[in-house]
N, C-alpha and C. Protein backbone atom coordinates (compact mmCIF):
# COMPACT_ATOMS: atom_id res chain seq x y z
N MET A 1 131.75 21.71 46.18
CA MET A 1 131.15 20.93 47.25
C MET A 1 129.81 21.57 47.64
N SER A 2 128.78 20.81 47.63
CA SER A 2 127.45 21.31 47.99
C SER A 2 127.39 21.59 49.49
N LYS A 3 126.53 22.57 49.84
CA LYS A 3 126.44 22.94 51.25
C LYS A 3 125.02 23.36 51.60
N ASP A 4 124.73 23.38 52.87
CA ASP A 4 123.42 23.81 53.36
C ASP A 4 123.38 25.33 53.32
N LEU A 5 122.52 25.87 52.46
CA LEU A 5 122.39 27.32 52.32
C LEU A 5 121.26 27.86 53.18
N GLY A 6 120.48 26.96 53.80
CA GLY A 6 119.31 27.37 54.57
C GLY A 6 118.05 27.07 53.78
N THR A 7 116.92 27.50 54.30
CA THR A 7 115.64 27.29 53.62
C THR A 7 115.22 28.56 52.92
N TYR A 8 114.92 28.44 51.65
CA TYR A 8 114.45 29.54 50.81
C TYR A 8 112.97 29.31 50.51
N TYR A 9 112.25 30.38 50.20
CA TYR A 9 110.84 30.28 49.88
C TYR A 9 110.59 30.94 48.53
N ALA A 10 110.08 30.16 47.57
CA ALA A 10 109.77 30.68 46.24
C ALA A 10 108.31 31.11 46.22
N ARG A 11 108.08 32.38 45.88
CA ARG A 11 106.73 32.94 45.74
C ARG A 11 106.43 33.05 44.25
N VAL A 12 105.50 32.23 43.79
CA VAL A 12 105.15 32.19 42.37
C VAL A 12 103.76 32.80 42.22
N GLU A 13 103.68 33.86 41.42
CA GLU A 13 102.41 34.54 41.17
C GLU A 13 102.04 34.38 39.70
N TYR A 14 100.77 34.04 39.46
CA TYR A 14 100.27 33.85 38.11
C TYR A 14 99.44 35.05 37.68
N GLU A 15 99.27 35.20 36.36
CA GLU A 15 98.37 36.24 35.85
C GLU A 15 97.00 36.03 36.48
N GLY A 16 96.36 37.09 36.89
CA GLY A 16 95.07 36.97 37.56
C GLY A 16 95.20 37.03 39.07
N GLY A 17 96.43 36.95 39.59
CA GLY A 17 96.65 37.15 41.01
C GLY A 17 96.76 35.91 41.88
N SER A 18 96.49 34.71 41.35
CA SER A 18 96.65 33.52 42.17
C SER A 18 98.12 33.17 42.27
N GLY A 19 98.45 32.31 43.21
CA GLY A 19 99.85 31.90 43.36
C GLY A 19 100.05 31.03 44.58
N HIS A 20 101.30 30.76 44.88
CA HIS A 20 101.64 29.92 46.03
C HIS A 20 103.07 30.21 46.45
N ILE A 21 103.40 29.75 47.65
CA ILE A 21 104.77 29.86 48.18
C ILE A 21 105.24 28.46 48.51
N THR A 22 106.43 28.11 48.04
CA THR A 22 106.97 26.77 48.23
C THR A 22 108.33 26.86 48.91
N ALA A 23 108.54 26.02 49.92
CA ALA A 23 109.82 25.97 50.63
C ALA A 23 110.83 25.16 49.82
N TRP A 24 112.05 25.65 49.76
CA TRP A 24 113.16 24.95 49.14
C TRP A 24 114.23 24.73 50.21
N ASN A 25 114.29 23.52 50.73
CA ASN A 25 115.26 23.15 51.76
C ASN A 25 116.57 22.79 51.09
N THR A 26 117.64 23.47 51.42
CA THR A 26 118.92 23.22 50.75
C THR A 26 119.84 22.32 51.55
N GLY A 27 119.43 21.91 52.74
CA GLY A 27 120.30 21.09 53.58
C GLY A 27 120.02 19.61 53.41
N PHE A 28 120.48 18.83 54.38
CA PHE A 28 120.21 17.40 54.38
C PHE A 28 118.71 17.17 54.49
N ARG A 29 118.21 16.18 53.78
CA ARG A 29 116.80 15.81 53.86
C ARG A 29 116.66 14.34 53.51
N TRP A 30 115.49 13.82 53.75
CA TRP A 30 115.23 12.40 53.51
C TRP A 30 114.38 12.23 52.26
N THR A 31 114.60 11.12 51.55
CA THR A 31 113.72 10.78 50.45
C THR A 31 112.36 10.44 51.04
N HIS A 32 111.33 10.59 50.26
CA HIS A 32 109.98 10.23 50.70
C HIS A 32 109.79 8.73 50.53
N GLY A 33 108.87 8.18 51.27
CA GLY A 33 108.54 6.78 51.09
C GLY A 33 107.81 6.57 49.78
N THR A 34 107.84 5.37 49.30
CA THR A 34 107.12 4.98 48.08
C THR A 34 106.35 3.70 48.37
N ALA A 35 105.69 3.19 47.37
CA ALA A 35 104.98 1.93 47.54
C ALA A 35 105.96 0.80 47.88
N GLU A 36 107.18 0.93 47.39
CA GLU A 36 108.19 -0.11 47.62
C GLU A 36 109.08 0.16 48.83
N GLU A 37 109.13 1.40 49.30
CA GLU A 37 110.05 1.75 50.38
C GLU A 37 109.32 2.53 51.47
N SER A 38 109.47 2.07 52.67
CA SER A 38 108.89 2.76 53.82
C SER A 38 109.64 4.07 54.06
N PRO A 39 108.92 5.12 54.47
CA PRO A 39 109.62 6.36 54.81
C PRO A 39 110.61 6.16 55.96
N LEU A 40 110.40 5.12 56.76
CA LEU A 40 111.30 4.87 57.89
C LEU A 40 112.63 4.27 57.47
N THR A 41 112.71 3.79 56.24
CA THR A 41 113.97 3.27 55.71
C THR A 41 114.46 4.15 54.56
N ALA A 42 114.03 5.39 54.55
CA ALA A 42 114.38 6.33 53.48
C ALA A 42 115.88 6.61 53.48
N THR A 43 116.32 7.21 52.40
CA THR A 43 117.72 7.53 52.21
C THR A 43 117.98 9.00 52.52
N LEU A 44 119.06 9.28 53.21
CA LEU A 44 119.46 10.65 53.49
C LEU A 44 120.08 11.26 52.24
N ILE A 45 119.59 12.44 51.84
CA ILE A 45 120.12 13.15 50.68
C ILE A 45 121.00 14.28 51.18
N LYS A 46 122.21 14.34 50.66
CA LYS A 46 123.12 15.42 51.02
C LYS A 46 122.68 16.71 50.33
N PRO A 47 123.18 17.87 50.80
CA PRO A 47 122.84 19.12 50.12
C PRO A 47 123.13 19.05 48.62
N THR A 48 122.26 19.70 47.85
CA THR A 48 122.31 19.60 46.39
C THR A 48 123.03 20.77 45.73
N TRP A 49 122.90 21.97 46.27
CA TRP A 49 123.37 23.17 45.58
C TRP A 49 124.69 23.67 46.16
N ASP A 50 125.52 24.21 45.27
CA ASP A 50 126.82 24.76 45.66
C ASP A 50 126.74 26.22 46.07
N SER A 51 125.76 26.93 45.51
CA SER A 51 125.68 28.37 45.74
C SER A 51 124.24 28.83 45.59
N GLU A 52 123.98 30.04 46.03
CA GLU A 52 122.67 30.63 45.86
C GLU A 52 122.33 30.78 44.37
N GLU A 53 123.31 31.14 43.57
CA GLU A 53 123.11 31.28 42.13
C GLU A 53 122.67 29.94 41.52
N ASP A 54 123.27 28.86 41.95
CA ASP A 54 122.92 27.52 41.49
C ASP A 54 121.47 27.18 41.88
N LEU A 55 121.09 27.48 43.11
CA LEU A 55 119.72 27.25 43.59
C LEU A 55 118.72 28.07 42.78
N PHE A 56 119.00 29.36 42.59
CA PHE A 56 118.10 30.22 41.82
C PHE A 56 117.93 29.71 40.38
N GLY A 57 119.00 29.21 39.79
CA GLY A 57 118.92 28.64 38.45
C GLY A 57 117.99 27.43 38.41
N THR A 58 118.07 26.59 39.44
CA THR A 58 117.19 25.42 39.52
C THR A 58 115.74 25.84 39.68
N ILE A 59 115.48 26.81 40.55
CA ILE A 59 114.12 27.29 40.76
C ILE A 59 113.53 27.82 39.46
N LEU A 60 114.27 28.68 38.77
CA LEU A 60 113.79 29.22 37.49
C LEU A 60 113.56 28.11 36.47
N SER A 61 114.48 27.19 36.38
CA SER A 61 114.36 26.11 35.42
C SER A 61 113.12 25.26 35.69
N MET A 62 112.87 24.94 36.96
CA MET A 62 111.72 24.10 37.30
C MET A 62 110.40 24.79 36.97
N TYR A 63 110.30 26.10 37.27
CA TYR A 63 109.04 26.80 37.06
C TYR A 63 108.84 27.29 35.63
N LEU A 64 109.90 27.53 34.89
CA LEU A 64 109.76 28.06 33.54
C LEU A 64 109.85 26.99 32.45
N ASP A 65 110.62 25.93 32.70
CA ASP A 65 110.83 24.91 31.67
C ASP A 65 110.63 23.48 32.16
N GLY A 66 110.69 23.28 33.46
CA GLY A 66 110.66 21.93 34.03
C GLY A 66 109.26 21.47 34.39
N ASN A 67 109.20 20.51 35.29
CA ASN A 67 107.96 19.86 35.67
C ASN A 67 106.92 20.84 36.23
N TYR A 68 107.37 21.87 36.93
CA TYR A 68 106.42 22.83 37.53
C TYR A 68 105.86 23.81 36.50
N SER A 69 106.35 23.77 35.27
CA SER A 69 105.88 24.72 34.25
C SER A 69 104.61 24.26 33.55
N CYS A 70 104.23 23.02 33.72
CA CYS A 70 103.03 22.48 33.06
C CYS A 70 101.77 22.89 33.82
N ASP A 71 100.71 23.20 33.09
CA ASP A 71 99.45 23.62 33.71
C ASP A 71 98.95 22.61 34.74
N CYS A 72 99.11 21.31 34.48
CA CYS A 72 98.61 20.30 35.42
C CYS A 72 99.28 20.44 36.78
N ASN A 73 100.58 20.72 36.80
CA ASN A 73 101.29 20.89 38.07
C ASN A 73 101.02 22.25 38.70
N LYS A 74 100.79 23.26 37.88
CA LYS A 74 100.41 24.58 38.42
C LYS A 74 99.08 24.47 39.14
N ARG A 75 98.10 23.78 38.54
CA ARG A 75 96.80 23.60 39.20
C ARG A 75 96.94 22.80 40.49
N LEU A 76 97.78 21.80 40.47
CA LEU A 76 98.01 20.98 41.65
C LEU A 76 98.62 21.83 42.78
N SER A 77 99.60 22.66 42.46
CA SER A 77 100.23 23.54 43.46
C SER A 77 99.23 24.54 44.02
N LEU A 78 98.39 25.09 43.15
CA LEU A 78 97.38 26.05 43.60
C LEU A 78 96.37 25.39 44.52
N ALA A 79 95.93 24.19 44.18
CA ALA A 79 94.96 23.48 45.03
C ALA A 79 95.57 23.17 46.39
N ARG A 80 96.81 22.70 46.41
CA ARG A 80 97.46 22.38 47.69
C ARG A 80 97.66 23.63 48.53
N ALA A 81 98.04 24.74 47.90
CA ALA A 81 98.26 25.98 48.65
C ALA A 81 96.97 26.49 49.28
N ALA A 82 95.84 26.28 48.61
CA ALA A 82 94.55 26.73 49.11
C ALA A 82 93.86 25.65 49.96
N GLN A 83 94.55 24.53 50.17
CA GLN A 83 94.01 23.39 50.92
C GLN A 83 92.68 22.93 50.34
N LEU A 84 92.64 22.86 49.00
CA LEU A 84 91.47 22.37 48.28
C LEU A 84 91.77 20.96 47.77
N PRO A 85 90.73 20.21 47.41
CA PRO A 85 90.99 18.88 46.83
C PRO A 85 91.84 19.00 45.58
N GLU A 86 92.72 18.05 45.40
CA GLU A 86 93.56 18.05 44.21
C GLU A 86 92.71 17.76 42.98
N PRO A 87 93.03 18.38 41.85
CA PRO A 87 92.26 18.13 40.63
C PRO A 87 92.33 16.66 40.22
N GLU A 88 91.22 16.15 39.74
CA GLU A 88 91.20 14.78 39.21
C GLU A 88 92.10 14.71 37.98
N GLN A 89 92.81 13.63 37.83
CA GLN A 89 93.76 13.50 36.73
C GLN A 89 93.08 13.70 35.37
N ASP A 90 91.87 13.17 35.21
CA ASP A 90 91.16 13.31 33.93
C ASP A 90 90.72 14.74 33.65
N ASN A 91 90.58 15.55 34.68
CA ASN A 91 90.14 16.95 34.53
C ASN A 91 91.29 17.93 34.74
N ASN A 92 92.51 17.48 34.57
CA ASN A 92 93.68 18.32 34.81
C ASN A 92 94.66 18.17 33.64
N PRO A 93 94.28 18.70 32.47
CA PRO A 93 95.12 18.49 31.29
C PRO A 93 96.44 19.27 31.34
N CYS A 94 97.41 18.73 30.68
CA CYS A 94 98.69 19.43 30.51
C CYS A 94 98.48 20.58 29.54
N GLY A 95 99.37 21.54 29.60
CA GLY A 95 99.30 22.67 28.70
C GLY A 95 100.20 23.79 29.18
N ASP A 96 100.07 24.92 28.53
CA ASP A 96 100.88 26.09 28.86
C ASP A 96 100.00 27.34 28.76
N THR A 97 98.85 27.31 29.44
CA THR A 97 97.92 28.43 29.39
C THR A 97 97.93 29.28 30.65
N ILE A 98 98.47 28.75 31.76
CA ILE A 98 98.55 29.50 33.02
C ILE A 98 99.90 30.21 33.02
N THR A 99 99.86 31.54 32.94
CA THR A 99 101.08 32.33 32.77
C THR A 99 101.62 32.82 34.11
N ILE A 100 102.92 32.63 34.29
CA ILE A 100 103.59 33.13 35.49
C ILE A 100 103.83 34.63 35.33
N ARG A 101 103.40 35.40 36.31
CA ARG A 101 103.64 36.84 36.31
C ARG A 101 104.99 37.15 36.96
N SER A 102 105.27 36.48 38.08
CA SER A 102 106.54 36.75 38.75
C SER A 102 106.97 35.58 39.63
N ILE A 103 108.28 35.49 39.84
CA ILE A 103 108.86 34.54 40.79
C ILE A 103 109.81 35.34 41.66
N LYS A 104 109.54 35.32 42.96
CA LYS A 104 110.41 35.96 43.94
C LYS A 104 110.86 34.89 44.92
N VAL A 105 112.04 35.04 45.47
CA VAL A 105 112.55 34.09 46.44
C VAL A 105 112.97 34.84 47.71
N MET A 106 112.49 34.32 48.86
CA MET A 106 112.91 34.88 50.13
C MET A 106 114.10 34.08 50.64
N ARG A 107 115.17 34.80 50.91
CA ARG A 107 116.37 34.19 51.47
C ARG A 107 116.14 33.83 52.95
N PRO A 108 117.01 33.00 53.52
CA PRO A 108 116.91 32.71 54.95
C PRO A 108 117.03 33.96 55.83
N THR A 109 117.63 35.01 55.29
CA THR A 109 117.78 36.27 56.03
C THR A 109 116.50 37.10 56.05
N GLY A 110 115.52 36.71 55.20
CA GLY A 110 114.24 37.43 55.16
C GLY A 110 114.10 38.41 54.02
N ASP A 111 115.17 38.70 53.29
CA ASP A 111 115.04 39.63 52.16
C ASP A 111 114.64 38.88 50.90
N TRP A 112 113.96 39.58 50.00
CA TRP A 112 113.41 39.00 48.79
C TRP A 112 114.29 39.31 47.59
N VAL A 113 114.36 38.35 46.66
CA VAL A 113 115.10 38.51 45.41
C VAL A 113 114.12 38.25 44.27
N GLN A 114 114.03 39.18 43.33
CA GLN A 114 113.18 39.03 42.15
C GLN A 114 113.92 38.20 41.11
N LEU A 115 113.37 37.03 40.74
CA LEU A 115 114.00 36.19 39.73
C LEU A 115 113.35 36.34 38.36
N GLU A 116 112.02 36.50 38.35
CA GLU A 116 111.30 36.55 37.08
C GLU A 116 110.14 37.52 37.23
N PRO A 117 109.91 38.50 36.39
CA PRO A 117 110.84 38.84 35.32
C PRO A 117 112.14 39.37 35.90
N GLU A 118 113.20 39.24 35.14
CA GLU A 118 114.49 39.70 35.64
C GLU A 118 114.42 41.18 35.97
N PRO A 119 115.03 41.55 37.11
CA PRO A 119 114.99 42.97 37.51
C PRO A 119 115.76 43.88 36.56
């Protein structure tokens, strides 16, 4: 049974020293609005993860192999973190040239866990 584990923060650092911190809310949350659906009629999503280990596996998978592993999304995350304009789609090619140096996650208790490279 999935449960609310609290809010975790993933700190992703790239070679060269750039990076960003992203919140991972593990509790109830709402879907975002779309062109077809108003955010005011959004759907409530129940907690997704069963355990901290399950959450950490998802974080690693997303950043190392999933949608967040592509250069286009890394550039987008970096621009948003620095509050800069998002890269134009035509000037933001996919690829695997931006290398992740480390991924750390801050637990709701405030302590950090090193996920990548493995300790």
